[in-house]
Amino acid sequence: PARTFWTSFEAADPPLALGPADSPRLSVDGGPPKGAALTAKPEVGFSGLRSLRYEGIGGGEQQAQVFNVDIAVGKDSELSYKVFPLSAANQSCQPGQPAVSPLDNLRNASTYVAIDLLFDDGSRLSQHAPLDRHGFALSARGQGQARLLYPDQWNAVASRIGEVAAGRRIRQILVVHDGDRGLAYRGY
C-alpha cells in the first residue's frame, strides 16, 4: 500500500514541528552510541544517517509533539515505527541525576515509550485502545509493561490503527513516555 507519511529524519524529509516540552526532550541525532549498538551500526538511524532521540526523567505520562500532519485514517491504515530504547547501563549519567541501581536497570525505563497520534476530534490513538501486532496495548505504559521492546537494539512496532480509528484524521504525531517517576530514560 502507498505510504502517506514516512521519515528517517534526513534533511529532505518532512520538517519537524517540535512543540514545547520539558520531557521527553527530543532532538535529531546520529543514532545509538557504539557501546549500546551491539546488533546495529552505531551513530546512525535505522534507515538513514539520523534518528530522533528522546530522553528525560520519568514522571507519569509525558508527551512531546514531533510533526503536524493531515492524514486520513482508513480501515486498513497501519502505524509502524522503529525504536531503540537504551538500557539503564548504557545511559550516560548527567549531573544531578541519581545513580542507576540494578533494580532500575531491570525496569528498563526507556521501553515505556510509544508513538501516539492526535486526531482532529481531539482524541488520541492511545485512548481508542489499539493493540500492537503482538496483541499488547499500543501505549507508552502498555509497551513497557508488555516487556516486548528489547533495550540496546532496534525494535519494530506496528499496529493496524484503522481497526480503531477509521474515519478520523491525524493532526499531530507525538512521542509519549509513561514510566516510573524519577527514573532516567533515553532512546532513539
Protein backbone atom coordinates (compact mmCIF):
# COMPACT_ATOMS: atom_id res chain seq x y z
CA PRO A 1 0.00 0.00 0.00
CA ALA A 2 1.10 3.58 -0.63
CA ARG A 3 2.57 5.44 2.34
CA THR A 4 1.06 8.75 3.29
CA PHE A 5 3.83 9.69 5.74
CA TRP A 6 7.36 8.40 6.22
CA THR A 7 10.56 9.85 7.68
CA SER A 8 14.07 8.88 8.69
CA PHE A 9 14.76 12.44 9.93
CA GLU A 10 17.02 13.33 7.00
CA ALA A 11 17.27 16.90 5.68
CA ALA A 12 14.93 16.19 2.73
CA ASP A 13 12.27 14.53 4.94
CA PRO A 14 9.20 16.35 6.33
CA PRO A 15 10.23 19.12 8.76
CA LEU A 16 9.87 18.58 12.50
CA ALA A 17 7.29 20.63 14.37
CA LEU A 18 8.64 20.14 17.87
CA GLY A 19 6.29 21.59 20.44
CA PRO A 20 7.35 22.93 23.82
CA ALA A 21 8.12 20.05 26.17
CA ASP A 22 10.41 19.59 29.13
CA SER A 23 10.17 15.84 28.91
CA PRO A 24 10.58 13.86 26.85
CA ARG A 25 13.19 16.11 25.31
CA LEU A 26 13.53 15.42 21.58
CA SER A 27 16.41 16.12 19.23
CA VAL A 28 17.64 14.84 15.89
CA ASP A 29 20.82 12.84 16.42
CA GLY A 30 23.04 10.40 14.59
CA GLY A 31 21.83 7.35 16.47
CA PRO A 32 22.68 4.98 19.30
CA PRO A 33 26.27 5.09 20.62
CA LYS A 34 28.81 2.40 19.77
CA GLY A 35 28.73 0.83 23.24
CA ALA A 36 24.97 0.24 23.02
CA ALA A 37 24.54 -0.63 19.33
CA LEU A 38 25.76 -4.21 19.52
CA THR A 39 23.37 -5.51 16.84
CA ALA A 40 23.29 -2.41 14.63
CA LYS A 41 25.56 0.13 13.01
CA PRO A 42 26.40 2.75 15.66
CA GLU A 43 25.82 6.51 15.43
CA VAL A 44 23.17 6.26 12.67
CA GLY A 45 19.43 5.74 12.47
CA PHE A 46 17.70 2.54 11.41
CA SER A 47 17.09 3.61 7.80
CA GLY A 48 19.31 6.66 7.40
CA LEU A 49 22.07 8.72 8.92
CA ARG A 50 19.83 10.36 11.52
CA SER A 51 17.26 9.43 14.13
CA LEU A 52 15.08 11.17 16.71
CA ARG A 53 16.50 10.93 20.25
CA TYR A 54 14.13 11.00 23.24
CA GLU A 55 15.27 11.45 26.84
CA GLY A 56 14.11 12.62 30.21
CA ILE A 57 13.29 11.68 33.78
CA GLY A 58 10.14 9.62 34.30
CA GLY A 59 7.18 11.26 35.95
CA GLY A 60 3.98 9.69 34.70
CA GLU A 61 2.73 10.31 31.19
CA GLN A 62 4.83 12.85 29.28
CA GLN A 63 4.27 13.76 25.64
CA ALA A 64 6.11 15.77 23.03
CA GLN A 65 4.88 16.84 19.60
CA VAL A 66 7.03 15.79 16.65
CA PHE A 67 5.06 16.53 13.46
CA ASN A 68 1.97 18.41 12.32
CA VAL A 69 0.22 16.38 9.62
CA ASP A 70 -3.12 15.91 7.90
CA ILE A 71 -3.54 12.19 7.23
CA ALA A 72 -6.84 10.37 6.76
CA VAL A 73 -7.14 7.05 8.58
CA GLY A 74 -8.75 4.32 6.51
CA LYS A 75 -9.95 0.90 7.62
CA ASP A 76 -6.63 -0.66 6.53
CA SER A 77 -4.30 2.06 7.90
CA GLU A 78 -1.26 0.93 9.86
CA LEU A 79 1.16 2.73 12.14
CA SER A 80 4.68 1.33 12.20
CA TYR A 81 7.97 2.61 13.56
CA LYS A 82 11.35 1.51 14.90
CA VAL A 83 12.52 2.32 18.43
CA PHE A 84 15.91 1.77 20.12
CA PRO A 85 15.49 2.10 23.91
CA LEU A 86 18.81 2.36 25.74
CA SER A 87 19.30 0.16 28.78
CA ALA A 88 19.97 1.94 32.06
CA ALA A 89 23.55 0.67 31.87
CA ASN A 90 24.13 2.48 28.55
CA GLN A 91 22.70 5.87 29.52
CA SER A 92 25.28 8.48 30.31
CA CYS A 93 24.63 9.90 33.76
CA GLN A 94 24.04 13.64 33.73
CA PRO A 95 24.96 15.91 36.66
CA GLY A 96 22.15 15.98 39.19
CA GLN A 97 20.67 12.63 38.11
CA PRO A 98 20.57 9.75 40.59
CA ALA A 99 22.93 6.84 40.03
CA VAL A 100 21.45 3.81 38.24
CA SER A 101 20.74 0.91 40.57
CA PRO A 102 20.50 -2.73 39.43
CA LEU A 103 16.73 -2.60 40.09
CA ASP A 104 16.36 0.42 37.77
CA ASN A 105 18.20 -1.50 35.06
CA LEU A 106 15.61 -4.30 35.28
CA ARG A 107 12.74 -1.83 34.89
CA ASN A 108 14.10 -0.63 31.52
CA ALA A 109 12.58 2.85 31.84
CA SER A 110 13.39 3.61 28.19
CA THR A 111 10.95 0.93 26.99
CA TYR A 112 7.92 2.81 28.36
CA VAL A 113 7.62 4.76 25.12
CA ALA A 114 5.30 4.82 22.11
CA ILE A 115 4.27 6.93 19.17
CA ASP A 116 0.80 8.37 19.72
CA LEU A 117 -1.43 10.28 17.30
CA LEU A 118 -3.66 13.28 17.95
CA PHE A 119 -6.85 13.19 15.86
CA ASP A 120 -8.98 16.01 14.50
CA ASP A 121 -11.66 15.32 17.14
CA GLY A 122 -9.15 15.98 19.96
CA SER A 123 -8.80 12.33 20.96
CA ARG A 124 -5.53 10.40 20.88
CA LEU A 125 -4.91 6.98 19.35
CA SER A 126 -3.99 5.53 22.76
CA GLN A 127 -7.48 6.44 24.05
CA HIS A 128 -9.04 4.09 21.47
CA ALA A 129 -7.23 1.01 22.88
CA PRO A 130 -5.17 -0.01 19.81
CA LEU A 131 -3.14 -3.19 20.02
CA ASP A 132 0.31 -3.80 18.60
CA ARG A 133 0.93 -6.76 16.29
CA HIS A 134 1.56 -8.98 19.35
CA GLY A 135 -1.78 -8.11 20.96
CA PHE A 136 -0.47 -5.72 23.63
CA ALA A 137 -1.64 -2.16 24.29
CA LEU A 138 -0.06 0.35 21.91
CA SER A 139 0.50 2.99 24.57
CA ALA A 140 3.71 4.03 26.31
CA ARG A 141 2.68 2.31 29.55
CA GLY A 142 1.39 -0.75 27.67
CA GLN A 143 4.60 -1.21 25.69
CA GLY A 144 6.74 -1.01 28.84
CA GLN A 145 4.53 -3.41 30.77
CA ALA A 146 4.48 -5.89 27.87
CA ARG A 147 8.30 -6.10 28.02
CA LEU A 148 8.47 -6.64 24.26
CA LEU A 149 10.91 -3.83 23.49
CA TYR A 150 14.46 -5.07 23.87
CA PRO A 151 16.90 -2.45 25.18
CA ASP A 152 20.01 -1.69 23.12
CA GLN A 153 18.62 -2.80 19.77
CA TRP A 154 16.15 -1.61 17.14
CA ASN A 155 12.61 -2.89 17.70
CA ALA A 156 9.83 -2.90 15.08
CA VAL A 157 6.44 -1.76 16.38
CA ALA A 158 3.28 -1.97 14.26
CA SER A 159 -0.47 -1.65 14.74
CA ARG A 160 -3.47 -1.78 12.40
CA ILE A 161 -4.86 1.53 13.63
CA GLY A 162 -7.67 1.54 11.07
CA GLU A 163 -9.43 -1.06 13.24
CA VAL A 164 -9.96 1.55 15.99
CA ALA A 165 -9.62 4.91 14.24
CA ALA A 166 -11.01 4.64 10.69
CA GLY A 167 -12.66 7.86 9.53
CA ARG A 168 -10.54 10.16 11.69
CA ARG A 169 -7.77 12.48 10.51
CA ILE A 170 -4.35 12.55 12.17
CA ARG A 171 -3.28 16.12 13.06
CA GLN A 172 -0.15 15.53 15.18
CA ILE A 173 2.39 12.78 15.71
CA LEU A 174 3.59 12.57 19.32
CA VAL A 175 6.28 10.74 21.31
CA VAL A 176 4.93 9.65 24.69
CA HIS A 177 6.80 8.28 27.71
CA ASP A 178 4.88 6.85 30.68
CA GLY A 179 7.38 5.32 33.10
CA ASP A 180 8.06 5.39 36.80
CA ARG A 181 8.80 8.70 38.49
CA GLY A 182 12.45 9.58 38.91
CA LEU A 183 13.98 7.03 36.50
CA ALA A 184 16.13 8.40 33.69
CA TYR A 185 15.33 7.20 30.17
CA ARG A 186 16.83 7.69 26.72
CA GLY A 187 16.43 6.11 23.31
CA TYR A 188 16.11 6.66 19.57
